Amino acid sequence: MLELYQFEMSHYAEKVRLILDYKGLPYRKVEVTPGIGQIELFQMSGQRKVPVLKDGSEIIADSTAIAEYLDRKYPENPIIPSDPKQKGLCLLIEQWADESLGLNARKGLIGSLSQNQSFRTAVLPTSTPDILKNLVGAIPGDFLGILGVGVGMGPDTVKEATDALKRSLTALSFMLTEQPYLVGDSPTLADFAVAGLSMYVKFPTGAYLDIPESLKGKGVAGIADVSIFDPFFNWRDKLYADFRKASTTSSYTPPSGSAPTSINID
């Protein structure tokens, strides 16, 4: 069985999970603890980011490389068009989603976490002790904003990211007004990249993700909670309903190695 080394809350991993489900490929999720992972992951792939796909002796890192590998190795239900024009547009949208939509979604989510106490605690893993949840929730939002400035994530940066997200979702809504998918008449890598990398903007409802129920349907303030962007999220909801499978309990966290190393979550 395919093994996906992942972080359940990673929107890049969600992009890959969407593709695996669309292709009907069974896989096991191997959860990598955020911030602390196993040396095995570095030894396997030569790098420290997730997602990483293991297919027998094949090890593939990076969501785009994984998508291209899956389309070559498992060509049924292709996600990269054969038509040159459609292929070019598909790859261009996927790259834009990776480098713009995904990064701005992350910044927007960080801004919302600093503003909303209950949202902040809901993002913590379910195994987090209550005392730690209460401590995180009690941190003043203003203080988190000051910390954000120190790491280049201050209010101005968050606002720029949120404004960019609004423009992006507006453009996507226009593109999807009279067509079911972003490129052609069937879903492609472009659709799954945009759907997966918008996860932080508004977490999907339903049994797709192993996340707290209080997170589902929530996301970036001023986007997830206003109706103007419903056309985009309605499109994404249909994509999920048509192709995303309900989450299973097949994931596990590998035992700690003798020398854990930090993992950068991509």
Protein backbone atom coordinates (compact mmCIF):
# COMPACT_ATOMS: atom_id res chain seq x y z
CA MET A 1 0.00 0.00 0.00
CA LEU A 2 1.10 3.55 -0.70
CA GLU A 3 2.28 5.44 2.38
CA LEU A 4 1.84 9.20 2.71
CA TYR A 5 4.11 10.80 5.28
CA GLN A 6 2.11 13.83 6.20
CA PHE A 7 0.77 16.35 8.66
CA GLU A 8 -3.03 16.18 8.82
CA MET A 9 -3.24 19.99 8.99
CA SER A 10 -0.94 20.50 6.00
CA HIS A 11 -2.74 21.96 2.98
CA TYR A 12 0.00 20.60 0.71
CA ALA A 13 -0.71 17.12 2.06
CA GLU A 14 -4.41 17.74 1.47
CA LYS A 15 -3.65 18.45 -2.19
CA VAL A 16 -2.04 15.00 -2.44
CA ARG A 17 -4.86 13.29 -0.52
CA LEU A 18 -7.38 14.74 -2.99
CA ILE A 19 -5.38 13.35 -5.91
CA LEU A 20 -5.03 9.90 -4.31
CA ASP A 21 -8.77 9.74 -3.67
CA TYR A 22 -9.62 10.89 -7.20
CA LYS A 23 -7.42 8.18 -8.64
CA GLY A 24 -8.95 5.60 -6.30
CA LEU A 25 -5.58 4.66 -4.83
CA PRO A 26 -5.65 3.19 -1.30
CA TYR A 27 -2.98 4.61 0.98
CA ARG A 28 -1.94 4.76 4.59
CA LYS A 29 -1.30 8.07 6.29
CA VAL A 30 1.86 8.21 8.39
CA GLU A 31 1.55 11.22 10.68
CA VAL A 32 4.70 13.27 11.27
CA THR A 33 4.62 15.23 14.52
CA PRO A 34 4.89 18.97 13.72
CA GLY A 35 8.28 20.31 14.75
CA ILE A 36 9.59 16.88 15.74
CA GLY A 37 9.85 14.14 13.21
CA GLN A 38 11.94 11.06 12.71
CA ILE A 39 15.37 10.88 11.17
CA GLU A 40 13.82 8.17 9.02
CA LEU A 41 12.01 10.81 6.97
CA PHE A 42 15.27 12.62 6.21
CA GLN A 43 17.03 9.33 5.50
CA MET A 44 14.23 8.30 3.15
CA SER A 45 13.87 11.48 1.11
CA GLY A 46 16.98 13.57 1.75
CA GLN A 47 14.88 16.48 3.00
CA ARG A 48 12.66 17.36 5.96
CA LYS A 49 9.37 18.55 4.51
CA VAL A 50 6.05 16.78 4.14
CA PRO A 51 4.31 15.41 2.19
CA VAL A 52 6.49 12.47 1.19
CA LEU A 53 5.06 9.50 -0.69
CA LYS A 54 6.49 6.00 -0.37
CA ASP A 55 5.54 3.55 -3.10
CA GLY A 56 7.52 0.39 -2.55
CA SER A 57 11.13 1.38 -3.11
CA GLU A 58 10.15 4.72 -4.66
CA ILE A 59 10.35 7.78 -2.41
CA ILE A 60 8.92 11.04 -3.70
CA ALA A 61 9.02 14.36 -1.85
CA ASP A 62 7.11 17.57 -2.68
CA SER A 63 3.41 17.70 -3.57
CA THR A 64 4.01 18.65 -7.22
CA ALA A 65 6.54 15.86 -7.76
CA ILE A 66 4.15 13.43 -6.08
CA ALA A 67 1.31 14.51 -8.37
CA GLU A 68 3.46 14.07 -11.49
CA TYR A 69 4.68 10.67 -10.27
CA LEU A 70 1.16 9.43 -9.58
CA ASP A 71 -0.01 10.47 -13.04
CA ARG A 72 2.86 8.59 -14.67
CA LYS A 73 2.68 5.46 -12.50
CA TYR A 74 -1.11 5.28 -12.20
CA PRO A 75 -2.48 6.82 -15.42
CA GLU A 76 -6.14 5.93 -14.79
CA ASN A 77 -8.13 9.10 -14.07
CA PRO A 78 -5.37 11.41 -15.37
CA ILE A 79 -4.91 14.78 -13.70
CA ILE A 80 -2.55 16.40 -16.24
CA PRO A 81 -4.20 17.06 -19.64
CA SER A 82 -2.60 15.76 -22.82
CA ASP A 83 -3.69 18.77 -24.88
CA PRO A 84 -0.69 21.17 -24.90
CA LYS A 85 -2.70 24.33 -24.23
CA GLN A 86 -4.72 22.77 -21.42
CA LYS A 87 -1.59 21.16 -19.97
CA GLY A 88 0.22 24.48 -19.88
CA LEU A 89 -2.74 26.22 -18.20
CA CYS A 90 -3.12 23.39 -15.69
CA LEU A 91 0.54 23.50 -14.66
CA LEU A 92 0.51 27.30 -14.50
CA ILE A 93 -2.52 27.34 -12.16
CA GLU A 94 -0.99 24.61 -10.01
CA GLN A 95 2.24 26.58 -9.63
CA TRP A 96 0.30 29.74 -8.78
CA ALA A 97 -1.71 27.83 -6.17
CA ASP A 98 1.48 26.49 -4.58
CA GLU A 99 3.35 29.77 -4.54
CA SER A 100 0.59 32.33 -3.99
CA LEU A 101 -2.69 30.86 -2.78
CA GLY A 102 -1.08 28.43 -0.33
CA LEU A 103 1.34 30.94 1.16
CA ASN A 104 -1.26 33.69 1.53
CA ALA A 105 -3.70 31.22 3.07
CA ARG A 106 -1.12 30.36 5.71
CA LYS A 107 -0.53 34.03 6.52
CA GLY A 108 -4.25 34.72 6.67
CA LEU A 109 -4.81 31.80 9.02
CA ILE A 110 -2.05 33.00 11.34
CA GLY A 111 -3.74 36.39 11.49
CA SER A 112 -7.08 34.80 12.38
CA LEU A 113 -5.45 32.69 15.08
CA SER A 114 -4.12 35.81 16.78
CA GLN A 115 -7.58 37.42 16.70
CA ASN A 116 -9.75 34.52 17.88
CA GLN A 117 -9.07 32.71 21.16
CA SER A 118 -11.37 29.74 20.57
CA PHE A 119 -10.10 29.30 17.02
CA ARG A 120 -6.53 29.35 18.32
CA THR A 121 -7.11 26.53 20.78
CA ALA A 122 -9.11 24.49 18.26
CA VAL A 123 -6.08 24.28 15.97
CA LEU A 124 -4.08 22.47 18.66
CA PRO A 125 -3.89 18.66 18.34
CA THR A 126 -6.68 16.83 20.16
CA SER A 127 -4.07 15.19 22.39
CA THR A 128 -2.96 18.57 23.79
CA PRO A 129 -3.51 18.69 27.58
CA ASP A 130 -6.29 21.03 28.71
CA ILE A 131 -3.87 23.07 30.80
CA LEU A 132 -1.80 23.84 27.70
CA LYS A 133 -4.90 24.64 25.65
CA ASN A 134 -6.00 27.09 28.33
CA LEU A 135 -2.54 28.66 28.38
CA VAL A 136 -2.48 29.13 24.61
CA GLY A 137 -6.01 30.51 24.61
CA ALA A 138 -5.18 32.99 27.36
CA ILE A 139 -2.35 34.63 25.41
CA PRO A 140 -3.55 38.12 24.41
CA GLY A 141 -4.05 38.60 20.69
CA ASP A 142 -2.12 41.88 20.81
CA PHE A 143 0.89 40.04 22.22
CA LEU A 144 0.71 37.47 19.42
CA GLY A 145 0.54 40.35 16.95
CA ILE A 146 3.76 41.79 18.37
CA LEU A 147 5.43 38.38 18.09
CA GLY A 148 4.21 38.16 14.51
CA VAL A 149 5.96 41.41 13.63
CA GLY A 150 9.22 39.92 14.89
CA VAL A 151 8.98 37.02 12.42
CA GLY A 152 7.68 39.02 9.47
CA MET A 153 4.04 38.18 10.14
CA GLY A 154 2.76 41.48 11.49
CA PRO A 155 -0.70 42.99 10.86
CA ASP A 156 0.37 44.66 7.61
CA THR A 157 1.66 41.37 6.18
CA VAL A 158 -1.50 39.55 7.22
CA LYS A 159 -3.69 42.27 5.69
CA GLU A 160 -1.79 42.11 2.41
CA ALA A 161 -2.21 38.33 2.34
CA THR A 162 -5.93 38.56 3.15
CA ASP A 163 -6.49 41.17 0.45
CA ALA A 164 -4.65 38.95 -2.05
CA LEU A 165 -6.82 35.99 -1.05
CA LYS A 166 -9.97 38.01 -1.64
CA ARG A 167 -8.81 38.98 -5.12
CA SER A 168 -7.83 35.40 -5.90
CA LEU A 169 -11.13 33.90 -4.77
CA THR A 170 -13.06 36.54 -6.69
CA ALA A 171 -11.13 35.69 -9.86
CA LEU A 172 -11.63 31.96 -9.31
CA SER A 173 -15.36 32.49 -8.80
CA PHE A 174 -15.57 34.28 -12.15
CA MET A 175 -13.64 31.48 -13.85
CA LEU A 176 -15.99 28.84 -12.46
CA THR A 177 -19.25 30.64 -13.24
CA GLU A 178 -19.91 28.77 -16.49
CA GLN A 179 -17.58 25.77 -16.24
CA PRO A 180 -17.37 22.89 -13.74
CA TYR A 181 -13.56 22.79 -13.55
CA LEU A 182 -10.67 25.20 -14.00
CA VAL A 183 -9.28 23.46 -17.09
CA GLY A 184 -11.44 21.41 -19.46
CA ASP A 185 -14.44 19.23 -18.69
CA SER A 186 -12.86 16.97 -16.07
CA PRO A 187 -10.90 17.68 -12.88
CA THR A 188 -7.17 18.23 -13.20
CA LEU A 189 -4.18 18.92 -11.00
CA ALA A 190 -5.19 22.61 -11.13
CA ASP A 191 -8.50 21.87 -9.39
CA PHE A 192 -6.98 19.69 -6.69
CA ALA A 193 -4.18 22.17 -6.02
CA VAL A 194 -6.60 25.08 -5.64
CA ALA A 195 -9.04 23.04 -3.52
CA GLY A 196 -6.34 21.64 -1.24
CA LEU A 197 -4.40 24.86 -0.81
CA SER A 198 -7.54 26.80 0.09
CA MET A 199 -7.98 24.54 3.13
CA TYR A 200 -6.66 27.15 5.56
CA VAL A 201 -8.91 29.83 4.06
CA LYS A 202 -11.92 27.77 5.12
CA PHE A 203 -11.64 24.25 6.49
CA PRO A 204 -14.03 21.90 4.67
CA THR A 205 -16.97 20.49 6.57
CA GLY A 206 -17.71 16.77 6.58
CA ALA A 207 -15.65 13.75 7.59
CA TYR A 208 -12.71 14.41 5.30
CA LEU A 209 -10.10 15.57 7.83
CA ASP A 210 -9.08 14.33 11.26
CA ILE A 211 -9.42 17.75 12.85
CA PRO A 212 -11.62 19.10 15.66
CA GLU A 213 -15.24 19.65 14.67
CA SER A 214 -14.95 23.21 15.95
CA LEU A 215 -12.51 23.98 13.11
CA LYS A 216 -14.71 22.78 10.27
CA GLY A 217 -16.28 25.58 8.29
CA LYS A 218 -14.00 28.10 9.99
CA GLY A 219 -11.02 29.92 8.54
CA VAL A 220 -9.69 33.35 7.65
CA ALA A 221 -11.81 36.12 9.13
CA GLY A 222 -13.47 38.28 6.49
CA ILE A 223 -13.43 35.45 3.95
CA ALA A 224 -14.67 32.22 5.49
CA ASP A 225 -17.50 34.00 7.28
CA VAL A 226 -18.92 36.13 4.44
CA SER A 227 -21.29 35.01 1.67
CA ILE A 228 -19.58 36.83 -1.21
CA PHE A 229 -17.14 33.94 -1.61
CA ASP A 230 -19.82 31.23 -1.46
CA PRO A 231 -19.56 30.51 -5.22
CA PHE A 232 -15.97 29.38 -4.78
CA PHE A 233 -16.56 27.35 -1.64
CA ASN A 234 -19.71 25.78 -3.14
CA TRP A 235 -17.54 24.65 -6.06
CA ARG A 236 -14.96 23.24 -3.67
CA ASP A 237 -17.64 21.50 -1.61
CA LYS A 238 -18.92 19.76 -4.73
CA LEU A 239 -15.39 18.69 -5.68
CA TYR A 240 -15.03 17.17 -2.21
CA ALA A 241 -18.44 15.50 -2.36
CA ASP A 242 -17.68 14.00 -5.79
CA PHE A 243 -14.11 12.81 -5.24
CA ARG A 244 -12.80 13.12 -1.67
CA LYS A 245 -13.26 10.06 0.51
CA ALA A 246 -14.15 10.20 4.17
CA SER A 247 -11.17 10.05 6.49
CA THR A 248 -10.30 6.67 7.93
CA THR A 249 -8.37 5.56 10.98
CA SER A 250 -5.54 4.07 8.91
CA SER A 251 -2.99 6.68 9.95
CA TYR A 252 -0.36 6.13 12.58
CA THR A 253 2.54 7.98 14.14
CA PRO A 254 5.81 6.05 13.81
CA PRO A 255 7.77 5.35 17.00
CA SER A 256 10.43 7.82 18.02
CA GLY A 257 13.90 7.19 16.70
CA SER A 258 17.04 7.56 18.70
CA ALA A 259 17.69 11.09 17.45
CA PRO A 260 14.61 13.08 16.48
CA THR A 261 15.03 16.00 14.14
CA SER A 262 12.81 18.97 13.38
CA ILE A 263 10.53 18.77 10.34
CA ASN A 264 9.66 21.80 8.25
CA ILE A 265 6.01 21.57 7.30
CA ASP A 266 5.43 22.56 3.65
